[in-house]
Amino acid sequence: MKNRMKKMKQAQVKAFTLVEMLVVLLIISVLMLLFVPNLTQQKDLVAEKGNAAVVKVVESQAELYELNHPGETATLGKLKEQGQISDNQVKSYQKVIASGKVEQGRVISD
C-alpha cells in the first residue's frame, strides 16, 4: 500500500498554473496593443505612396502624349483611348485629385 502511494505521488503531472497562463496572455495582449496601430499606420503610408505613383505615371504619360501630338492637350480620355493608362489608373487619378491631397496637374479630366 505504501509503495502505491509513493508511485502515485511520483506520477503527478507537471502543468502550467492559471497564473502562469494569465501572465503569458497579458504579455501577448501588450504586444498586440503595440503592433496593431503600427500596422494601420503602415497601411495608410503605403496607400499614399501608391497614389503618388499613380499621379506620376499619369502625368508622365500626359507629357509623352503632348510630345507626340504637338499642340494638343492631354486628357484622361485621350490617354485611355491611346492605351497609355488603364481604367484603374484613371479612377485612382480622379480619386486622388478629388481628395485634394495633390493639386491638379497637367492632365485634364474629361
N, C-alpha and C. Protein backbone atom coordinates (compact mmCIF):
# COMPACT_ATOMS: atom_id res chain seq x y z
N MET A 1 0.80 -1.18 0.00
CA MET A 1 0.00 0.00 0.00
C MET A 1 0.86 1.27 0.00
N LYS A 2 1.90 1.26 0.82
CA LYS A 2 2.79 2.41 0.87
C LYS A 2 3.49 2.60 -0.47
N ASN A 3 3.84 1.54 -1.13
CA ASN A 3 4.50 1.64 -2.43
C ASN A 3 3.59 2.29 -3.46
N ARG A 4 2.32 1.94 -3.40
CA ARG A 4 1.37 2.53 -4.33
C ARG A 4 1.24 4.03 -4.11
N MET A 5 1.20 4.45 -2.89
CA MET A 5 1.09 5.87 -2.58
C MET A 5 2.32 6.64 -3.06
N LYS A 6 3.49 6.04 -2.90
CA LYS A 6 4.72 6.67 -3.36
C LYS A 6 4.71 6.82 -4.88
N LYS A 7 4.25 5.75 -5.56
CA LYS A 7 4.21 5.79 -7.02
C LYS A 7 3.20 6.84 -7.50
N MET A 8 2.08 6.97 -6.83
CA MET A 8 1.07 7.96 -7.22
C MET A 8 1.60 9.38 -7.02
N LYS A 9 2.32 9.60 -5.95
CA LYS A 9 2.90 10.92 -5.71
C LYS A 9 3.94 11.25 -6.77
N GLN A 10 4.72 10.27 -7.18
CA GLN A 10 5.75 10.48 -8.20
C GLN A 10 5.13 10.65 -9.60
N ALA A 11 3.95 10.12 -9.81
CA ALA A 11 3.32 10.15 -11.12
C ALA A 11 2.54 11.44 -11.37
N GLN A 12 2.62 12.39 -10.48
CA GLN A 12 1.91 13.65 -10.70
C GLN A 12 2.42 14.35 -11.95
N VAL A 13 1.48 14.85 -12.74
CA VAL A 13 1.83 15.52 -13.99
C VAL A 13 2.12 16.98 -13.70
N LYS A 14 3.21 17.47 -14.25
CA LYS A 14 3.54 18.88 -14.09
C LYS A 14 2.82 19.65 -15.18
N ALA A 15 2.18 20.76 -14.81
CA ALA A 15 1.41 21.56 -15.78
C ALA A 15 1.57 23.03 -15.43
N PHE A 16 1.12 23.87 -16.36
CA PHE A 16 1.15 25.31 -16.11
C PHE A 16 0.04 25.67 -15.14
N THR A 17 0.32 26.64 -14.31
CA THR A 17 -0.72 27.12 -13.40
C THR A 17 -1.53 28.20 -14.10
N LEU A 18 -2.65 28.51 -13.53
CA LEU A 18 -3.52 29.54 -14.09
C LEU A 18 -2.82 30.89 -14.11
N VAL A 19 -2.06 31.19 -13.10
CA VAL A 19 -1.34 32.47 -13.03
C VAL A 19 -0.31 32.57 -14.15
N GLU A 20 0.40 31.49 -14.41
CA GLU A 20 1.39 31.49 -15.49
C GLU A 20 0.71 31.72 -16.84
N MET A 21 -0.42 31.09 -17.06
CA MET A 21 -1.16 31.28 -18.31
C MET A 21 -1.65 32.72 -18.44
N LEU A 22 -2.11 33.31 -17.37
CA LEU A 22 -2.58 34.70 -17.41
C LEU A 22 -1.43 35.67 -17.71
N VAL A 23 -0.27 35.39 -17.17
CA VAL A 23 0.89 36.25 -17.44
C VAL A 23 1.25 36.19 -18.92
N VAL A 24 1.25 35.00 -19.48
CA VAL A 24 1.55 34.85 -20.90
C VAL A 24 0.52 35.59 -21.75
N LEU A 25 -0.76 35.46 -21.42
CA LEU A 25 -1.81 36.17 -22.16
C LEU A 25 -1.66 37.68 -22.02
N LEU A 26 -1.26 38.14 -20.87
CA LEU A 26 -1.05 39.57 -20.66
C LEU A 26 0.09 40.08 -21.54
N ILE A 27 1.16 39.35 -21.61
CA ILE A 27 2.31 39.74 -22.44
C ILE A 27 1.91 39.78 -23.91
N ILE A 28 1.18 38.77 -24.36
CA ILE A 28 0.73 38.74 -25.76
C ILE A 28 -0.21 39.91 -26.05
N SER A 29 -1.09 40.23 -25.12
CA SER A 29 -2.01 41.36 -25.30
C SER A 29 -1.26 42.69 -25.42
N VAL A 30 -0.27 42.88 -24.59
CA VAL A 30 0.51 44.12 -24.64
C VAL A 30 1.24 44.23 -25.98
N LEU A 31 1.81 43.14 -26.44
CA LEU A 31 2.49 43.16 -27.74
C LEU A 31 1.52 43.47 -28.87
N MET A 32 0.33 42.93 -28.81
CA MET A 32 -0.68 43.23 -29.83
C MET A 32 -1.07 44.70 -29.80
N LEU A 33 -1.20 45.26 -28.61
CA LEU A 33 -1.54 46.68 -28.50
C LEU A 33 -0.45 47.57 -29.08
N LEU A 34 0.77 47.11 -29.03
CA LEU A 34 1.87 47.89 -29.59
C LEU A 34 1.95 47.78 -31.11
N PHE A 35 1.68 46.60 -31.65
CA PHE A 35 1.91 46.37 -33.08
C PHE A 35 0.72 46.68 -33.97
N VAL A 36 -0.50 46.52 -33.52
CA VAL A 36 -1.66 46.74 -34.38
C VAL A 36 -1.76 48.19 -34.86
N PRO A 37 -1.63 49.19 -34.00
CA PRO A 37 -1.68 50.57 -34.52
C PRO A 37 -0.56 50.87 -35.52
N ASN A 38 0.60 50.29 -35.31
CA ASN A 38 1.71 50.50 -36.22
C ASN A 38 1.39 49.92 -37.61
N LEU A 39 0.72 48.80 -37.65
CA LEU A 39 0.35 48.19 -38.92
C LEU A 39 -0.64 49.05 -39.68
N THR A 40 -1.59 49.67 -38.99
CA THR A 40 -2.57 50.51 -39.68
C THR A 40 -1.89 51.78 -40.22
N GLN A 41 -0.92 52.30 -39.50
CA GLN A 41 -0.18 53.46 -40.00
C GLN A 41 0.60 53.09 -41.26
N GLN A 42 1.18 51.91 -41.27
CA GLN A 42 1.93 51.47 -42.43
C GLN A 42 1.01 51.30 -43.63
N LYS A 43 -0.20 50.82 -43.40
CA LYS A 43 -1.17 50.65 -44.48
C LYS A 43 -1.51 52.00 -45.10
N ASP A 44 -1.71 53.01 -44.28
CA ASP A 44 -2.02 54.35 -44.79
C ASP A 44 -0.84 54.92 -45.57
N LEU A 45 0.36 54.70 -45.07
CA LEU A 45 1.56 55.19 -45.75
C LEU A 45 1.73 54.53 -47.12
N VAL A 46 1.48 53.25 -47.21
CA VAL A 46 1.58 52.53 -48.48
C VAL A 46 0.53 53.05 -49.47
N ALA A 47 -0.67 53.33 -48.99
CA ALA A 47 -1.73 53.86 -49.86
C ALA A 47 -1.35 55.23 -50.41
N GLU A 48 -0.78 56.08 -49.57
CA GLU A 48 -0.35 57.41 -50.02
C GLU A 48 0.75 57.32 -51.08
N LYS A 49 1.70 56.44 -50.87
CA LYS A 49 2.78 56.27 -51.84
C LYS A 49 2.25 55.71 -53.15
N GLY A 50 1.28 54.81 -53.06
CA GLY A 50 0.67 54.26 -54.27
C GLY A 50 -0.07 55.33 -55.05
N ASN A 51 -0.78 56.20 -54.35
CA ASN A 51 -1.48 57.30 -55.01
C ASN A 51 -0.51 58.26 -55.68
N ALA A 52 0.59 58.55 -55.01
CA ALA A 52 1.60 59.44 -55.60
C ALA A 52 2.20 58.81 -56.85
N ALA A 53 2.38 57.50 -56.84
CA ALA A 53 2.93 56.82 -58.00
C ALA A 53 1.97 56.88 -59.19
N VAL A 54 0.68 56.72 -58.91
CA VAL A 54 -0.32 56.79 -59.98
C VAL A 54 -0.32 58.18 -60.60
N VAL A 55 -0.25 59.21 -59.77
CA VAL A 55 -0.23 60.59 -60.28
C VAL A 55 0.98 60.80 -61.17
N LYS A 56 2.14 60.31 -60.74
CA LYS A 56 3.36 60.48 -61.54
C LYS A 56 3.25 59.75 -62.87
N VAL A 57 2.70 58.55 -62.86
CA VAL A 57 2.56 57.78 -64.10
C VAL A 57 1.63 58.50 -65.07
N VAL A 58 0.48 58.94 -64.58
CA VAL A 58 -0.48 59.60 -65.46
C VAL A 58 0.10 60.89 -66.02
N GLU A 59 0.76 61.66 -65.19
CA GLU A 59 1.32 62.92 -65.67
C GLU A 59 2.49 62.71 -66.63
N SER A 60 3.28 61.68 -66.41
CA SER A 60 4.37 61.41 -67.36
C SER A 60 3.80 60.92 -68.69
N GLN A 61 2.74 60.14 -68.65
CA GLN A 61 2.09 59.71 -69.89
C GLN A 61 1.48 60.90 -70.62
N ALA A 62 0.95 61.86 -69.87
CA ALA A 62 0.39 63.06 -70.48
C ALA A 62 1.49 63.86 -71.16
N GLU A 63 2.64 63.94 -70.53
CA GLU A 63 3.77 64.66 -71.13
C GLU A 63 4.22 63.98 -72.42
N LEU A 64 4.29 62.67 -72.39
CA LEU A 64 4.67 61.93 -73.61
C LEU A 64 3.63 62.14 -74.71
N TYR A 65 2.37 62.14 -74.35
CA TYR A 65 1.30 62.36 -75.34
C TYR A 65 1.46 63.73 -75.99
N GLU A 66 1.72 64.74 -75.16
CA GLU A 66 1.86 66.10 -75.70
C GLU A 66 3.11 66.24 -76.56
N LEU A 67 4.15 65.48 -76.26
CA LEU A 67 5.34 65.49 -77.11
C LEU A 67 5.08 64.83 -78.46
N ASN A 68 4.29 63.76 -78.44
CA ASN A 68 3.98 63.05 -79.67
C ASN A 68 2.89 63.73 -80.50
N HIS A 69 2.07 64.54 -79.85
CA HIS A 69 0.97 65.23 -80.53
C HIS A 69 1.08 66.73 -80.23
N PRO A 70 1.97 67.43 -80.93
CA PRO A 70 2.19 68.86 -80.64
C PRO A 70 0.90 69.67 -80.84
N GLY A 71 0.69 70.58 -79.91
CA GLY A 71 -0.47 71.46 -80.00
C GLY A 71 -1.73 70.88 -79.37
N GLU A 72 -1.72 69.63 -78.99
CA GLU A 72 -2.89 69.01 -78.34
C GLU A 72 -2.65 68.94 -76.84
N THR A 73 -3.74 69.06 -76.13
CA THR A 73 -3.69 68.93 -74.67
C THR A 73 -4.10 67.51 -74.29
N ALA A 74 -3.36 66.92 -73.38
CA ALA A 74 -3.67 65.56 -72.95
C ALA A 74 -4.85 65.57 -71.99
N THR A 75 -5.77 64.67 -72.23
CA THR A 75 -6.89 64.46 -71.30
C THR A 75 -6.88 63.00 -70.88
N LEU A 76 -7.59 62.71 -69.81
CA LEU A 76 -7.64 61.32 -69.34
C LEU A 76 -8.27 60.43 -70.41
N GLY A 77 -9.28 60.94 -71.10
CA GLY A 77 -9.94 60.16 -72.14
C GLY A 77 -9.00 59.82 -73.28
N LYS A 78 -8.21 60.80 -73.71
CA LYS A 78 -7.26 60.56 -74.81
C LYS A 78 -6.19 59.56 -74.39
N LEU A 79 -5.69 59.71 -73.17
CA LEU A 79 -4.66 58.79 -72.69
C LEU A 79 -5.19 57.37 -72.59
N LYS A 80 -6.42 57.24 -72.12
CA LYS A 80 -7.04 55.93 -72.00
C LYS A 80 -7.29 55.34 -73.39
N GLU A 81 -7.76 56.18 -74.29
CA GLU A 81 -8.06 55.74 -75.66
C GLU A 81 -6.79 55.26 -76.36
N GLN A 82 -5.69 55.94 -76.13
CA GLN A 82 -4.41 55.56 -76.73
C GLN A 82 -3.80 54.32 -76.08
N GLY A 83 -4.34 53.91 -74.94
CA GLY A 83 -3.80 52.75 -74.23
C GLY A 83 -2.60 53.07 -73.37
N GLN A 84 -2.40 54.35 -73.09
CA GLN A 84 -1.24 54.74 -72.28
C GLN A 84 -1.50 54.58 -70.78
N ILE A 85 -2.77 54.62 -70.40
CA ILE A 85 -3.13 54.37 -69.00
C ILE A 85 -4.35 53.46 -68.96
N SER A 86 -4.53 52.78 -67.84
CA SER A 86 -5.64 51.84 -67.71
C SER A 86 -6.83 52.49 -67.01
N ASP A 87 -7.94 51.77 -67.00
CA ASP A 87 -9.14 52.26 -66.31
C ASP A 87 -8.87 52.47 -64.82
N ASN A 88 -8.14 51.54 -64.22
CA ASN A 88 -7.83 51.66 -62.78
C ASN A 88 -6.99 52.90 -62.50
N GLN A 89 -6.06 53.20 -63.39
CA GLN A 89 -5.23 54.39 -63.20
C GLN A 89 -6.06 55.66 -63.35
N VAL A 90 -7.03 55.65 -64.27
CA VAL A 90 -7.91 56.81 -64.43
C VAL A 90 -8.72 57.03 -63.16
N LYS A 91 -9.30 55.95 -62.64
CA LYS A 91 -10.12 56.06 -61.43
C LYS A 91 -9.27 56.51 -60.24
N SER A 92 -8.10 55.94 -60.10
CA SER A 92 -7.22 56.31 -58.98
C SER A 92 -6.79 57.77 -59.09
N TYR A 93 -6.45 58.20 -60.29
CA TYR A 93 -6.02 59.59 -60.50
C TYR A 93 -7.15 60.55 -60.16
N GLN A 94 -8.36 60.26 -60.62
CA GLN A 94 -9.50 61.12 -60.33
C GLN A 94 -9.79 61.16 -58.83
N LYS A 95 -9.65 60.03 -58.19
CA LYS A 95 -9.89 59.94 -56.74
C LYS A 95 -8.87 60.79 -55.97
N VAL A 96 -7.60 60.71 -56.37
CA VAL A 96 -6.54 61.46 -55.69
C VAL A 96 -6.74 62.96 -55.90
N ILE A 97 -7.05 63.36 -57.13
CA ILE A 97 -7.24 64.77 -57.43
C ILE A 97 -8.47 65.30 -56.68
N ALA A 98 -9.53 64.50 -56.63
CA ALA A 98 -10.76 64.92 -55.93
C ALA A 98 -10.53 65.05 -54.43
N SER A 99 -9.62 64.25 -53.88
CA SER A 99 -9.36 64.31 -52.44
C SER A 99 -8.64 65.59 -52.04
N GLY A 100 -7.98 66.22 -53.01
CA GLY A 100 -7.28 67.47 -52.73
C GLY A 100 -5.90 67.29 -52.14
N LYS A 101 -5.45 66.07 -52.00
CA LYS A 101 -4.11 65.83 -51.45
C LYS A 101 -3.02 66.21 -52.43
N VAL A 102 -3.37 66.17 -53.72
CA VAL A 102 -2.43 66.56 -54.77
C VAL A 102 -3.15 67.58 -55.63
N GLU A 103 -2.46 68.65 -55.97
CA GLU A 103 -3.11 69.66 -56.80
C GLU A 103 -3.18 69.18 -58.24
N GLN A 104 -4.17 69.72 -58.95
CA GLN A 104 -4.39 69.33 -60.34
C GLN A 104 -3.12 69.54 -61.15
N GLY A 105 -2.72 68.52 -61.86
CA GLY A 105 -1.53 68.59 -62.68
C GLY A 105 -1.85 69.01 -64.09
N ARG A 106 -1.09 68.49 -65.02
CA ARG A 106 -1.24 68.86 -66.40
C ARG A 106 -2.36 68.11 -67.11
N VAL A 107 -2.88 67.06 -66.53
CA VAL A 107 -3.90 66.23 -67.17
C VAL A 107 -5.28 66.79 -66.88
N ILE A 108 -6.09 66.93 -67.91
CA ILE A 108 -7.44 67.45 -67.77
C ILE A 108 -8.41 66.28 -67.76
N SER A 109 -9.33 66.28 -66.81
CA SER A 109 -10.36 65.25 -66.79
C SER A 109 -11.40 65.57 -67.85
N ASP A 110 -11.92 64.51 -68.45
CA ASP A 110 -12.96 64.70 -69.49
C ASP A 110 -14.29 64.98 -68.84
